[in-house]
Amino acid sequence: MNKNRETGAVLDPKYDASGLITAVATDAVTGEVLMVAHMDAEALERTRETGEAHFYSRSRARLWKKGESSGNVLRVVEARIDCDQDSVWLRVEPAGPTCHTGARSCFYRQIQPDGLHRVD
């Protein structure tokens, strides 16, 4: 246990073997979970510098700004890091749908006994 990382005032993210931490984005007003993604050190720094969410795309193997092509950026109202600094919570103001499918949230389907049901 790293007491300084867990209770100190210094940002010291604990990246995994791939150099990533999990990032959860929620609507700053409603609290709804909008998306879960990953950040590398550069994505976290760009997010802090610009106030807009940046992530690391594992499928594209590169940094990307949320909304860079759609315009549906996520403006960060508050960023928090968990106790052992291996995941980030972004409270955001979305400028449109968050999901690439056009849904408000990436979590638009509920798991039911008979399959998936859209709930947006």
PDB file of N, CA and C in Angstrom:
ATOM      1  N   MET A   1       0.843  -1.184   0.000  1.00  0.00           N
ATOM      2  CA  MET A   1       0.000   0.000   0.000  1.00  0.00           C
ATOM      3  C   MET A   1       0.887   1.246   0.000  1.00  0.00           C
ATOM      4  N   ASN A   2       0.592   2.160  -0.906  1.00  0.00           N
ATOM      5  CA  ASN A   2       1.331   3.404  -1.004  1.00  0.00           C
ATOM      6  C   ASN A   2       0.497   4.501  -0.356  1.00  0.00           C
ATOM      7  N   LYS A   3       0.791   4.799   0.905  1.00  0.00           N
ATOM      8  CA  LYS A   3       0.005   5.785   1.660  1.00  0.00           C
ATOM      9  C   LYS A   3      -0.031   7.146   0.976  1.00  0.00           C
ATOM     10  N   ASN A   4       1.101   7.565   0.402  1.00  0.00           N
ATOM     11  CA  ASN A   4       1.143   8.863  -0.254  1.00  0.00           C
ATOM     12  C   ASN A   4       0.190   8.882  -1.449  1.00  0.00           C
ATOM     13  N   ARG A   5       0.188   7.807  -2.246  1.00  0.00           N
ATOM     14  CA  ARG A   5      -0.712   7.726  -3.395  1.00  0.00           C
ATOM     15  C   ARG A   5      -2.170   7.683  -2.922  1.00  0.00           C
ATOM     16  N   GLU A   6      -2.429   6.954  -1.846  1.00  0.00           N
ATOM     17  CA  GLU A   6      -3.807   6.746  -1.399  1.00  0.00           C
ATOM     18  C   GLU A   6      -4.389   7.894  -0.593  1.00  0.00           C
ATOM     19  N   THR A   7      -3.584   8.622   0.123  1.00  0.00           N
ATOM     20  CA  THR A   7      -4.137   9.684   0.970  1.00  0.00           C
ATOM     21  C   THR A   7      -3.480  11.040   0.763  1.00  0.00           C
ATOM     22  N   GLY A   8      -2.441  11.083  -0.051  1.00  0.00           N
ATOM     23  CA  GLY A   8      -1.716  12.330  -0.265  1.00  0.00           C
ATOM     24  C   GLY A   8      -2.412  13.272  -1.225  1.00  0.00           C
ATOM     25  N   ALA A   9      -1.798  14.415  -1.445  1.00  0.00           N
ATOM     26  CA  ALA A   9      -2.365  15.459  -2.291  1.00  0.00           C
ATOM     27  C   ALA A   9      -1.680  15.554  -3.651  1.00  0.00           C
ATOM     28  N   VAL A  10      -0.848  14.555  -3.986  1.00  0.00           N
ATOM     29  CA  VAL A  10      -0.117  14.581  -5.250  1.00  0.00           C
ATOM     30  C   VAL A  10      -0.784  13.632  -6.239  1.00  0.00           C
ATOM     31  N   LEU A  11      -1.062  14.130  -7.440  1.00  0.00           N
ATOM     32  CA  LEU A  11      -1.601  13.279  -8.491  1.00  0.00           C
ATOM     33  C   LEU A  11      -0.495  12.343  -8.961  1.00  0.00           C
ATOM     34  N   ASP A  12      -0.721  11.035  -8.800  1.00  0.00           N
ATOM     35  CA  ASP A  12       0.278  10.023  -9.141  1.00  0.00           C
ATOM     36  C   ASP A  12      -0.458   8.795  -9.691  1.00  0.00           C
ATOM     37  N   PRO A  13      -1.043   8.914 -10.894  1.00  0.00           N
ATOM     38  CA  PRO A  13      -1.860   7.819 -11.434  1.00  0.00           C
ATOM     39  C   PRO A  13      -1.102   6.498 -11.513  1.00  0.00           C
ATOM     40  N   LYS A  14      -1.810   5.438 -11.215  1.00  0.00           N
ATOM     41  CA  LYS A  14      -1.258   4.086 -11.254  1.00  0.00           C
ATOM     42  C   LYS A  14      -1.760   3.421 -12.538  1.00  0.00           C
ATOM     43  N   TYR A  15      -0.993   3.574 -13.603  1.00  0.00           N
ATOM     44  CA  TYR A  15      -1.365   3.025 -14.903  1.00  0.00           C
ATOM     45  C   TYR A  15      -1.125   1.519 -14.926  1.00  0.00           C
ATOM     46  N   ASP A  16      -1.931   0.797 -15.716  1.00  0.00           N
ATOM     47  CA  ASP A  16      -1.746  -0.650 -15.842  1.00  0.00           C
ATOM     48  C   ASP A  16      -0.556  -0.963 -16.746  1.00  0.00           C
ATOM     49  N   ALA A  17      -0.346  -2.232 -17.023  1.00  0.00           N
ATOM     50  CA  ALA A  17       0.804  -2.653 -17.832  1.00  0.00           C
ATOM     51  C   ALA A  17       0.776  -2.056 -19.231  1.00  0.00           C
ATOM     52  N   SER A  18      -0.412  -1.669 -19.712  1.00  0.00           N
ATOM     53  CA  SER A  18      -0.545  -1.044 -21.028  1.00  0.00           C
ATOM     54  C   SER A  18      -0.436   0.473 -20.962  1.00  0.00           C
ATOM     55  N   GLY A  19      -0.221   1.001 -19.766  1.00  0.00           N
ATOM     56  CA  GLY A  19      -0.094   2.448 -19.601  1.00  0.00           C
ATOM     57  C   GLY A  19      -1.431   3.165 -19.545  1.00  0.00           C
ATOM     58  N   LEU A  20      -2.488   2.452 -19.118  1.00  0.00           N
ATOM     59  CA  LEU A  20      -3.839   3.011 -19.127  1.00  0.00           C
ATOM     60  C   LEU A  20      -4.486   2.974 -17.750  1.00  0.00           C
ATOM     61  N   ILE A  21      -5.422   3.897 -17.549  1.00  0.00           N
ATOM     62  CA  ILE A  21      -6.325   3.853 -16.413  1.00  0.00           C
ATOM     63  C   ILE A  21      -7.741   3.961 -16.962  1.00  0.00           C
ATOM     64  N   THR A  22      -8.698   3.416 -16.224  1.00  0.00           N
ATOM     65  CA  THR A  22     -10.103   3.473 -16.618  1.00  0.00           C
ATOM     66  C   THR A  22     -10.666   4.845 -16.296  1.00  0.00           C
ATOM     67  N   ALA A  23     -11.498   5.358 -17.201  1.00  0.00           N
ATOM     68  CA  ALA A  23     -12.154   6.645 -16.992  1.00  0.00           C
ATOM     69  C   ALA A  23     -13.660   6.470 -17.163  1.00  0.00           C
ATOM     70  N   VAL A  24     -14.410   6.951 -16.195  1.00  0.00           N
ATOM     71  CA  VAL A  24     -15.868   6.907 -16.234  1.00  0.00           C
ATOM     72  C   VAL A  24     -16.369   8.337 -16.371  1.00  0.00           C
ATOM     73  N   ALA A  25     -17.221   8.579 -17.363  1.00  0.00           N
ATOM     74  CA  ALA A  25     -17.793   9.914 -17.566  1.00  0.00           C
ATOM     75  C   ALA A  25     -19.273   9.879 -17.213  1.00  0.00           C
ATOM     76  N   THR A  26     -19.680  10.788 -16.332  1.00  0.00           N
ATOM     77  CA  THR A  26     -21.085  10.900 -15.949  1.00  0.00           C
ATOM     78  C   THR A  26     -21.578  12.312 -16.224  1.00  0.00           C
ATOM     79  N   ASP A  27     -22.865  12.432 -16.448  1.00  0.00           N
ATOM     80  CA  ASP A  27     -23.479  13.738 -16.657  1.00  0.00           C
ATOM     81  C   ASP A  27     -23.407  14.515 -15.345  1.00  0.00           C
ATOM     82  N   ALA A  28     -22.861  15.707 -15.385  1.00  0.00           N
ATOM     83  CA  ALA A  28     -22.675  16.512 -14.178  1.00  0.00           C
ATOM     84  C   ALA A  28     -23.992  16.921 -13.537  1.00  0.00           C
ATOM     85  N   VAL A  29     -25.063  16.975 -14.315  1.00  0.00           N
ATOM     86  CA  VAL A  29     -26.354  17.387 -13.777  1.00  0.00           C
ATOM     87  C   VAL A  29     -27.164  16.195 -13.281  1.00  0.00           C
ATOM     88  N   THR A  30     -27.286  15.160 -14.111  1.00  0.00           N
ATOM     89  CA  THR A  30     -28.163  14.033 -13.772  1.00  0.00           C
ATOM     90  C   THR A  30     -27.449  12.899 -13.059  1.00  0.00           C
ATOM     91  N   GLY A  31     -26.136  12.804 -13.195  1.00  0.00           N
ATOM     92  CA  GLY A  31     -25.380  11.707 -12.610  1.00  0.00           C
ATOM     93  C   GLY A  31     -25.380  10.451 -13.464  1.00  0.00           C
ATOM     94  N   GLU A  32     -26.065  10.470 -14.606  1.00  0.00           N
ATOM     95  CA  GLU A  32     -26.143   9.311 -15.487  1.00  0.00           C
ATOM     96  C   GLU A  32     -24.756   8.947 -16.009  1.00  0.00           C
ATOM     97  N   VAL A  33     -24.445   7.643 -16.016  1.00  0.00           N
ATOM     98  CA  VAL A  33     -23.192   7.180 -16.594  1.00  0.00           C
ATOM     99  C   VAL A  33     -23.313   7.308 -18.108  1.00  0.00           C
ATOM    100  N   LEU A  34     -22.385   8.043 -18.717  1.00  0.00           N
ATOM    101  CA  LEU A  34     -22.422   8.263 -20.157  1.00  0.00           C
ATOM    102  C   LEU A  34     -21.503   7.316 -20.911  1.00  0.00           C
ATOM    103  N   MET A  35     -20.310   7.092 -20.374  1.00  0.00           N
ATOM    104  CA  MET A  35     -19.371   6.205 -21.053  1.00  0.00           C
ATOM    105  C   MET A  35     -18.256   5.775 -20.106  1.00  0.00           C
ATOM    106  N   VAL A  36     -17.599   4.692 -20.480  1.00  0.00           N
ATOM    107  CA  VAL A  36     -16.395   4.215 -19.814  1.00  0.00           C
ATOM    108  C   VAL A  36     -15.343   4.084 -20.908  1.00  0.00           C
ATOM    109  N   ALA A  37     -14.176   4.619 -20.661  1.00  0.00           N
ATOM    110  CA  ALA A  37     -13.095   4.582 -21.650  1.00  0.00           C
ATOM    111  C   ALA A  37     -11.778   4.442 -20.902  1.00  0.00           C
ATOM    112  N   HIS A  38     -10.684   4.660 -21.597  1.00  0.00           N
ATOM    113  CA  HIS A  38      -9.360   4.567 -20.992  1.00  0.00           C
ATOM    114  C   HIS A  38      -8.563   5.833 -21.278  1.00  0.00           C
ATOM    115  N   MET A  39      -7.662   6.129 -20.369  1.00  0.00           N
ATOM    116  CA  MET A  39      -6.774   7.277 -20.531  1.00  0.00           C
ATOM    117  C   MET A  39      -5.342   6.820 -20.334  1.00  0.00           C
ATOM    118  N   ASP A  40      -4.453   7.374 -21.148  1.00  0.00           N
ATOM    119  CA  ASP A  40      -3.028   7.244 -20.878  1.00  0.00           C
ATOM    120  C   ASP A  40      -2.586   8.582 -20.273  1.00  0.00           C
ATOM    121  N   ALA A  41      -1.315   8.726 -19.986  1.00  0.00           N
ATOM    122  CA  ALA A  41      -0.832   9.956 -19.353  1.00  0.00           C
ATOM    123  C   ALA A  41      -1.125  11.187 -20.211  1.00  0.00           C
ATOM    124  N   GLU A  42      -0.971  11.053 -21.530  1.00  0.00           N
ATOM    125  CA  GLU A  42      -1.215  12.191 -22.409  1.00  0.00           C
ATOM    126  C   GLU A  42      -2.690  12.587 -22.423  1.00  0.00           C
ATOM    127  N   ALA A  43      -3.583  11.604 -22.436  1.00  0.00           N
ATOM    128  CA  ALA A  43      -5.020  11.898 -22.430  1.00  0.00           C
ATOM    129  C   ALA A  43      -5.421  12.614 -21.145  1.00  0.00           C
ATOM    130  N   LEU A  44      -4.882  12.161 -20.021  1.00  0.00           N
ATOM    131  CA  LEU A  44      -5.189  12.810 -18.752  1.00  0.00           C
ATOM    132  C   LEU A  44      -4.658  14.241 -18.742  1.00  0.00           C
ATOM    133  N   GLU A  45      -3.454  14.436 -19.237  1.00  0.00           N
ATOM    134  CA  GLU A  45      -2.874  15.780 -19.275  1.00  0.00           C
ATOM    135  C   GLU A  45      -3.659  16.698 -20.212  1.00  0.00           C
ATOM    136  N   ARG A  46      -4.016  16.225 -21.384  1.00  0.00           N
ATOM    137  CA  ARG A  46      -4.793  17.050 -22.332  1.00  0.00           C
ATOM    138  C   ARG A  46      -6.158  17.411 -21.744  1.00  0.00           C
ATOM    139  N   THR A  47      -6.772  16.457 -21.047  1.00  0.00           N
ATOM    140  CA  THR A  47      -8.057  16.721 -20.400  1.00  0.00           C
ATOM    141  C   THR A  47      -7.898  17.824 -19.372  1.00  0.00           C
ATOM    142  N   ARG A  48      -6.860  17.743 -18.574  1.00  0.00           N
ATOM    143  CA  ARG A  48      -6.612  18.763 -17.551  1.00  0.00           C
ATOM    144  C   ARG A  48      -6.312  20.116 -18.180  1.00  0.00           C
ATOM    145  N   GLU A  49      -5.554  20.130 -19.260  1.00  0.00           N
ATOM    146  CA  GLU A  49      -5.166  21.386 -19.914  1.00  0.00           C
ATOM    147  C   GLU A  49      -6.332  22.070 -20.610  1.00  0.00           C
ATOM    148  N   THR A  50      -7.177  21.292 -21.299  1.00  0.00           N
ATOM    149  CA  THR A  50      -8.216  21.862 -22.153  1.00  0.00           C
ATOM    150  C   THR A  50      -9.597  21.941 -21.516  1.00  0.00           C
ATOM    151  N   GLY A  51      -9.849  21.131 -20.499  1.00  0.00           N
ATOM    152  CA  GLY A  51     -11.189  21.089 -19.907  1.00  0.00           C
ATOM    153  C   GLY A  51     -12.171  20.286 -20.734  1.00  0.00           C
ATOM    154  N   GLU A  52     -11.671  19.589 -21.745  1.00  0.00           N
ATOM    155  CA  GLU A  52     -12.507  18.699 -22.561  1.00  0.00           C
ATOM    156  C   GLU A  52     -11.908  17.303 -22.515  1.00  0.00           C
ATOM    157  N   ALA A  53     -12.777  16.289 -22.470  1.00  0.00           N
ATOM    158  CA  ALA A  53     -12.331  14.917 -22.280  1.00  0.00           C
ATOM    159  C   ALA A  53     -11.542  14.380 -23.466  1.00  0.00           C
ATOM    160  N   HIS A  54     -10.398  13.830 -23.159  1.00  0.00           N
ATOM    161  CA  HIS A  54      -9.538  13.132 -24.114  1.00  0.00           C
ATOM    162  C   HIS A  54      -9.337  11.714 -23.584  1.00  0.00           C
ATOM    163  N   PHE A  55      -9.230  10.768 -24.472  1.00  0.00           N
ATOM    164  CA  PHE A  55      -9.065   9.375 -24.087  1.00  0.00           C
ATOM    165  C   PHE A  55      -8.014   8.727 -24.968  1.00  0.00           C
ATOM    166  N   TYR A  56      -7.659   7.492 -24.614  1.00  0.00           N
ATOM    167  CA  TYR A  56      -6.787   6.703 -25.462  1.00  0.00           C
ATOM    168  C   TYR A  56      -7.642   5.614 -26.087  1.00  0.00           C
ATOM    169  N   SER A  57      -7.706   5.584 -27.393  1.00  0.00           N
ATOM    170  CA  SER A  57      -8.479   4.573 -28.112  1.00  0.00           C
ATOM    171  C   SER A  57      -7.631   3.321 -28.275  1.00  0.00           C
ATOM    172  N   ARG A  58      -8.063   2.246 -27.650  1.00  0.00           N
ATOM    173  CA  ARG A  58      -7.336   0.988 -27.792  1.00  0.00           C
ATOM    174  C   ARG A  58      -7.497   0.425 -29.200  1.00  0.00           C
ATOM    175  N   SER A  59      -8.658   0.617 -29.814  1.00  0.00           N
ATOM    176  CA  SER A  59      -8.871   0.077 -31.162  1.00  0.00           C
ATOM    177  C   SER A  59      -8.077   0.843 -32.216  1.00  0.00           C
ATOM    178  N   ARG A  60      -7.925   2.158 -32.032  1.00  0.00           N
ATOM    179  CA  ARG A  60      -7.164   2.965 -32.986  1.00  0.00           C
ATOM    180  C   ARG A  60      -5.708   3.158 -32.562  1.00  0.00           C
ATOM    181  N   ALA A  61      -5.416   2.737 -31.331  1.00  0.00           N
ATOM    182  CA  ALA A  61      -4.068   2.864 -30.760  1.00  0.00           C
ATOM    183  C   ALA A  61      -3.548   4.295 -30.836  1.00  0.00           C
ATOM    184  N   ARG A  62      -4.407   5.230 -30.399  1.00  0.00           N
ATOM    185  CA  ARG A  62      -3.985   6.633 -30.405  1.00  0.00           C
ATOM    186  C   ARG A  62      -4.858   7.470 -29.467  1.00  0.00           C
ATOM    187  N   LEU A  63      -4.355   8.638 -29.159  1.00  0.00           N
ATOM    188  CA  LEU A  63      -5.092   9.617 -28.378  1.00  0.00           C
ATOM    189  C   LEU A  63      -6.268  10.122 -29.201  1.00  0.00           C
ATOM    190  N   TRP A  64      -7.416  10.362 -28.563  1.00  0.00           N
ATOM    191  CA  TRP A  64      -8.526  11.001 -29.269  1.00  0.00           C
ATOM    192  C   TRP A  64      -9.307  11.892 -28.317  1.00  0.00           C
ATOM    193  N   LYS A  65      -9.756  12.990 -28.865  1.00  0.00           N
ATOM    194  CA  LYS A  65     -10.607  13.918 -28.127  1.00  0.00           C
ATOM    195  C   LYS A  65     -12.042  13.495 -28.382  1.00  0.00           C
ATOM    196  N   LYS A  66     -12.799  13.282 -27.329  1.00  0.00           N
ATOM    197  CA  LYS A  66     -14.201  12.915 -27.495  1.00  0.00           C
ATOM    198  C   LYS A  66     -14.901  14.027 -28.263  1.00  0.00           C
ATOM    199  N   GLY A  67     -15.537  13.661 -29.375  1.00  0.00           N
ATOM    200  CA  GLY A  67     -16.243  14.624 -30.199  1.00  0.00           C
ATOM    201  C   GLY A  67     -15.399  15.243 -31.290  1.00  0.00           C
ATOM    202  N   GLU A  68     -14.171  14.737 -31.491  1.00  0.00           N
ATOM    203  CA  GLU A  68     -13.296  15.347 -32.499  1.00  0.00           C
ATOM    204  C   GLU A  68     -13.890  15.291 -33.899  1.00  0.00           C
ATOM    205  N   SER A  69     -14.694  14.286 -34.194  1.00  0.00           N
ATOM    206  CA  SER A  69     -15.332  14.240 -35.515  1.00  0.00           C
ATOM    207  C   SER A  69     -16.818  14.576 -35.450  1.00  0.00           C
ATOM    208  N   SER A  70     -17.486  14.227 -34.359  1.00  0.00           N
ATOM    209  CA  SER A  70     -18.935  14.459 -34.249  1.00  0.00           C
ATOM    210  C   SER A  70     -19.284  15.844 -33.716  1.00  0.00           C
ATOM    211  N   GLY A  71     -18.350  16.452 -32.993  1.00  0.00           N
ATOM    212  CA  GLY A  71     -18.645  17.721 -32.335  1.00  0.00           C
ATOM    213  C   GLY A  71     -19.273  17.531 -30.967  1.00  0.00           C
ATOM    214  N   ASN A  72     -19.546  16.296 -30.588  1.00  0.00           N
ATOM    215  CA  ASN A  72     -20.181  15.998 -29.304  1.00  0.00           C
ATOM    216  C   ASN A  72     -19.130  15.866 -28.198  1.00  0.00           C
ATOM    217  N   VAL A  73     -18.493  16.975 -27.893  1.00  0.00           N
ATOM    218  CA  VAL A  73     -17.440  16.990 -26.880  1.00  0.00           C
ATOM    219  C   VAL A  73     -18.040  16.829 -25.484  1.00  0.00           C
ATOM    220  N   LEU A  74     -17.178  16.458 -24.564  1.00  0.00           N
ATOM    221  CA  LEU A  74     -17.553  16.378 -23.153  1.00  0.00           C
ATOM    222  C   LEU A  74     -16.746  17.441 -22.413  1.00  0.00           C
ATOM    223  N   ARG A  75     -17.432  18.486 -21.943  1.00  0.00           N
ATOM    224  CA  ARG A  75     -16.762  19.530 -21.166  1.00  0.00           C
ATOM    225  C   ARG A  75     -16.678  19.067 -19.721  1.00  0.00           C
ATOM    226  N   VAL A  76     -15.479  19.033 -19.184  1.00  0.00           N
ATOM    227  CA  VAL A  76     -15.258  18.509 -17.841  1.00  0.00           C
ATOM    228  C   VAL A  76     -15.575  19.577 -16.798  1.00  0.00           C
ATOM    229  N   VAL A  77     -16.511  19.248 -15.928  1.00  0.00           N
ATOM    230  CA  VAL A  77     -16.891  20.119 -14.817  1.00  0.00           C
ATOM    231  C   VAL A  77     -16.013  19.814 -13.609  1.00  0.00           C
ATOM    232  N   GLU A  78     -15.737  18.523 -13.423  1.00  0.00           N
ATOM    233  CA  GLU A  78     -14.912  18.089 -12.290  1.00  0.00           C
ATOM    234  C   GLU A  78     -14.263  16.765 -12.649  1.00  0.00           C
ATOM    235  N   ALA A  79     -13.026  16.591 -12.229  1.00  0.00           N
ATOM    236  CA  ALA A  79     -12.325  15.316 -12.406  1.00  0.00           C
ATOM    237  C   ALA A  79     -11.885  14.832 -11.032  1.00  0.00           C
ATOM    238  N   ARG A  80     -12.164  13.564 -10.775  1.00  0.00           N
ATOM    239  CA  ARG A  80     -11.735  12.941  -9.523  1.00  0.00           C
ATOM    240  C   ARG A  80     -10.952  11.673  -9.846  1.00  0.00           C
ATOM    241  N   ILE A  81     -10.100  11.292  -8.903  1.00  0.00           N
ATOM    242  CA  ILE A  81      -9.358  10.044  -9.054  1.00  0.00           C
ATOM    243  C   ILE A  81      -9.666   9.192  -7.821  1.00  0.00           C
ATOM    244  N   ASP A  82      -9.725   7.876  -8.002  1.00  0.00           N
ATOM    245  CA  ASP A  82     -10.087   7.018  -6.877  1.00  0.00           C
ATOM    246  C   ASP A  82      -8.931   6.874  -5.892  1.00  0.00           C
ATOM    247  N   CYS A  83      -9.185   6.143  -4.808  1.00  0.00           N
ATOM    248  CA  CYS A  83      -8.246   6.068  -3.688  1.00  0.00           C
ATOM    249  C   CYS A  83      -6.867   5.545  -4.058  1.00  0.00           C
ATOM    250  N   ASP A  84      -6.778   4.569  -4.955  1.00  0.00           N
ATOM    251  CA  ASP A  84      -5.448   4.089  -5.321  1.00  0.00           C
ATOM    252  C   ASP A  84      -4.987   4.632  -6.671  1.00  0.00           C
ATOM    253  N   GLN A  85      -5.679   5.624  -7.172  1.00  0.00           N
ATOM    254  CA  GLN A  85      -5.323   6.383  -8.361  1.00  0.00           C
ATOM    255  C   GLN A  85      -5.180   5.526  -9.623  1.00  0.00           C
ATOM    256  N   ASP A  86      -6.084   4.536  -9.764  1.00  0.00           N
ATOM    257  CA  ASP A  86      -6.054   3.744 -10.995  1.00  0.00           C
ATOM    258  C   ASP A  86      -7.328   3.871 -11.809  1.00  0.00           C
ATOM    259  N   SER A  87      -8.198   4.803 -11.435  1.00  0.00           N
ATOM    260  CA  SER A  87      -9.360   5.118 -12.267  1.00  0.00           C
ATOM    261  C   SER A  87      -9.784   6.563 -12.021  1.00  0.00           C
ATOM    262  N   VAL A  88     -10.364   7.143 -13.068  1.00  0.00           N
ATOM    263  CA  VAL A  88     -10.755   8.553 -13.056  1.00  0.00           C
ATOM    264  C   VAL A  88     -12.258   8.662 -13.261  1.00  0.00           C
ATOM    265  N   TRP A  89     -12.870   9.599 -12.558  1.00  0.00           N
ATOM    266  CA  TRP A  89     -14.289   9.900 -12.721  1.00  0.00           C
ATOM    267  C   TRP A  89     -14.371  11.325 -13.251  1.00  0.00           C
ATOM    268  N   LEU A  90     -14.952  11.473 -14.437  1.00  0.00           N
ATOM    269  CA  LEU A  90     -15.162  12.782 -15.039  1.00  0.00           C
ATOM    270  C   LEU A  90     -16.639  13.141 -14.949  1.00  0.00           C
ATOM    271  N   ARG A  91     -16.951  14.240 -14.289  1.00  0.00           N
ATOM    272  CA  ARG A  91     -18.306  14.783 -14.305  1.00  0.00           C
ATOM    273  C   ARG A  91     -18.310  15.785 -15.448  1.00  0.00           C
ATOM    274  N   VAL A  92     -19.198  15.578 -16.418  1.00  0.00           N
ATOM    275  CA  VAL A  92     -19.122  16.331 -17.668  1.00  0.00           C
ATOM    276  C   VAL A  92     -20.454  16.952 -18.067  1.00  0.00           C
ATOM    277  N   GLU A  93     -20.343  17.921 -18.963  1.00  0.00           N
ATOM    278  CA  GLU A  93     -21.497  18.483 -19.667  1.00  0.00           C
ATOM    279  C   GLU A  93     -21.361  18.039 -21.114  1.00  0.00           C
ATOM    280  N   PRO A  94     -22.226  17.119 -21.568  1.00  0.00           N
ATOM    281  CA  PRO A  94     -22.124  16.642 -22.947  1.00  0.00           C
ATOM    282  C   PRO A  94     -22.728  17.634 -23.932  1.00  0.00           C
ATOM    283  N   ALA A  95     -22.080  17.775 -25.092  1.00  0.00           N
ATOM    284  CA  ALA A  95     -22.571  18.673 -26.146  1.00  0.00           C
ATOM    285  C   ALA A  95     -23.309  17.861 -27.202  1.00  0.00           C
ATOM    286  N   GLY A  96     -24.140  16.941 -26.772  1.00  0.00           N
ATOM    287  CA  GLY A  96     -24.872  16.070 -27.683  1.00  0.00           C
ATOM    288  C   GLY A  96     -24.774  14.635 -27.218  1.00  0.00           C
ATOM    289  N   PRO A  97     -25.190  13.701 -28.052  1.00  0.00           N
ATOM    290  CA  PRO A  97     -25.112  12.286 -27.680  1.00  0.00           C
ATOM    291  C   PRO A  97     -23.670  11.880 -27.385  1.00  0.00           C
ATOM    292  N   THR A  98     -23.493  11.025 -26.396  1.00  0.00           N
ATOM    293  CA  THR A  98     -22.150  10.564 -26.043  1.00  0.00           C
ATOM    294  C   THR A  98     -21.748   9.338 -26.838  1.00  0.00           C
ATOM    295  N   CYS A  99     -22.687   8.436 -27.078  1.00  0.00           N
ATOM    296  CA  CYS A  99     -22.362   7.179 -27.752  1.00  0.00           C
ATOM    297  C   CYS A  99     -22.210   7.368 -29.264  1.00  0.00           C
ATOM    298  N   HIS A 100     -21.293   6.618 -29.840  1.00  0.00           N
ATOM    299  CA  HIS A 100     -21.087   6.681 -31.298  1.00  0.00           C
ATOM    300  C   HIS A 100     -22.309   6.182 -32.073  1.00  0.00           C
ATOM    301  N   THR A 101     -23.245   5.505 -31.382  1.00  0.00           N
ATOM    302  CA  THR A 101     -24.480   5.038 -32.037  1.00  0.00           C
ATOM    303  C   THR A 101     -25.527   6.146 -32.132  1.00  0.00           C
ATOM    304  N   GLY A 102     -25.263   7.270 -31.472  1.00  0.00           N
ATOM    305  CA  GLY A 102     -26.226   8.369 -31.438  1.00  0.00           C
ATOM    306  C   GLY A 102     -27.059   8.382 -30.168  1.00  0.00           C
ATOM    307  N   ALA A 103     -26.871   7.389 -29.307  1.00  0.00           N
ATOM    308  CA  ALA A 103     -27.596   7.349 -28.027  1.00  0.00           C
ATOM    309  C   ALA A 103     -26.964   8.348 -27.058  1.00  0.00           C
ATOM    310  N   ARG A 104     -27.766   8.848 -26.146  1.00  0.00           N
ATOM    311  CA  ARG A 104     -27.288   9.808 -25.153  1.00  0.00           C
ATOM    312  C   ARG A 104     -26.142   9.226 -24.325  1.00  0.00           C
ATOM    313  N   SER A 105     -26.266   7.957 -23.950  1.00  0.00           N
ATOM    314  CA  SER A 105     -25.277   7.256 -23.145  1.00  0.00           C
ATOM    315  C   SER A 105     -24.882   5.968 -23.852  1.00  0.00           C
ATOM    316  N   CYS A 106     -23.692   5.496 -23.602  1.00  0.00           N
ATOM    317  CA  CYS A 106     -23.292   4.196 -24.144  1.00  0.00           C
ATOM    318  C   CYS A 106     -24.036   3.060 -23.449  1.00  0.00           C
ATOM    319  N   PHE A 107     -24.656   3.353 -22.319  1.00  0.00           N
ATOM    320  CA  PHE A 107     -25.395   2.354 -21.542  1.00  0.00           C
ATOM    321  C   PHE A 107     -26.892   2.490 -21.799  1.00  0.00           C
ATOM    322  N   TYR A 108     -27.292   2.301 -23.043  1.00  0.00           N
ATOM    323  CA  TYR A 108     -28.683   2.507 -23.446  1.00  0.00           C
ATOM    324  C   TYR A 108     -29.488   1.210 -23.535  1.00  0.00           C
ATOM    325  N   ARG A 109     -28.873   0.082 -23.176  1.00  0.00           N
ATOM    326  CA  ARG A 109     -29.592  -1.200 -23.205  1.00  0.00           C
ATOM    327  C   ARG A 109     -29.552  -1.863 -21.838  1.00  0.00           C
ATOM    328  N   GLN A 110     -30.691  -2.385 -21.448  1.00  0.00           N
ATOM    329  CA  GLN A 110     -30.823  -3.087 -20.183  1.00  0.00           C
ATOM    330  C   GLN A 110     -30.812  -4.593 -20.450  1.00  0.00           C
ATOM    331  N   ILE A 111     -30.106  -5.328 -19.608  1.00  0.00           N
ATOM    332  CA  ILE A 111     -30.053  -6.784 -19.747  1.00  0.00           C
ATOM    333  C   ILE A 111     -31.282  -7.378 -19.080  1.00  0.00           C
ATOM    334  N   GLN A 112     -32.071  -8.085 -19.855  1.00  0.00           N
ATOM    335  CA  GLN A 112     -33.284  -8.751 -19.376  1.00  0.00           C
ATOM    336  C   GLN A 112     -33.147 -10.250 -19.623  1.00  0.00           C
ATOM    337  N   PRO A 113     -33.973 -11.078 -18.967  1.00  0.00           N
ATOM    338  CA  PRO A 113     -33.897 -12.519 -19.199  1.00  0.00           C
ATOM    339  C   PRO A 113     -34.043 -12.923 -20.673  1.00  0.00           C
ATOM    340  N   ASP A 114     -34.822 -12.146 -21.436  1.00  0.00           N
ATOM    341  CA  ASP A 114     -35.052 -12.494 -22.840  1.00  0.00           C
ATOM    342  C   ASP A 114     -34.135 -11.750 -23.810  1.00  0.00           C
ATOM    343  N   GLY A 115     -33.139 -11.039 -23.299  1.00  0.00           N
ATOM    344  CA  GLY A 115     -32.204 -10.326 -24.156  1.00  0.00           C
ATOM    345  C   GLY A 115     -32.016  -8.883 -23.745  1.00  0.00           C
ATOM    346  N   LEU A 116     -31.583  -8.056 -24.671  1.00  0.00           N
ATOM    347  CA  LEU A 116     -31.327  -6.649 -24.411  1.00  0.00           C
ATOM    348  C   LEU A 116     -32.523  -5.787 -24.789  1.00  0.00           C
ATOM    349  N   HIS A 117     -32.827  -4.797 -23.958  1.00  0.00           N
ATOM    350  CA  HIS A 117     -33.929  -3.869 -24.215  1.00  0.00           C
ATOM    351  C   HIS A 117     -33.420  -2.444 -24.145  1.00  0.00           C
ATOM    352  N   ARG A 118     -33.713  -1.669 -25.165  1.00  0.00           N
ATOM    353  CA  ARG A 118     -33.302  -0.264 -25.210  1.00  0.00           C
ATOM    354  C   ARG A 118     -34.065   0.517 -24.150  1.00  0.00           C
ATOM    355  N   VAL A 119     -33.356   1.377 -23.417  1.00  0.00           N
ATOM    356  CA  VAL A 119     -33.989   2.109 -22.318  1.00  0.00           C
ATOM    357  C   VAL A 119     -33.806   3.621 -22.381  1.00  0.00           C
ATOM    358  N   ASP A 120     -33.288   4.131 -23.484  1.00  0.00           N
ATOM    359  CA  ASP A 120     -33.073   5.583 -23.547  1.00  0.00           C
ATOM    360  C   ASP A 120     -34.368   6.267 -23.894  1.00  0.00           C
TER     361      ASP A 120
END
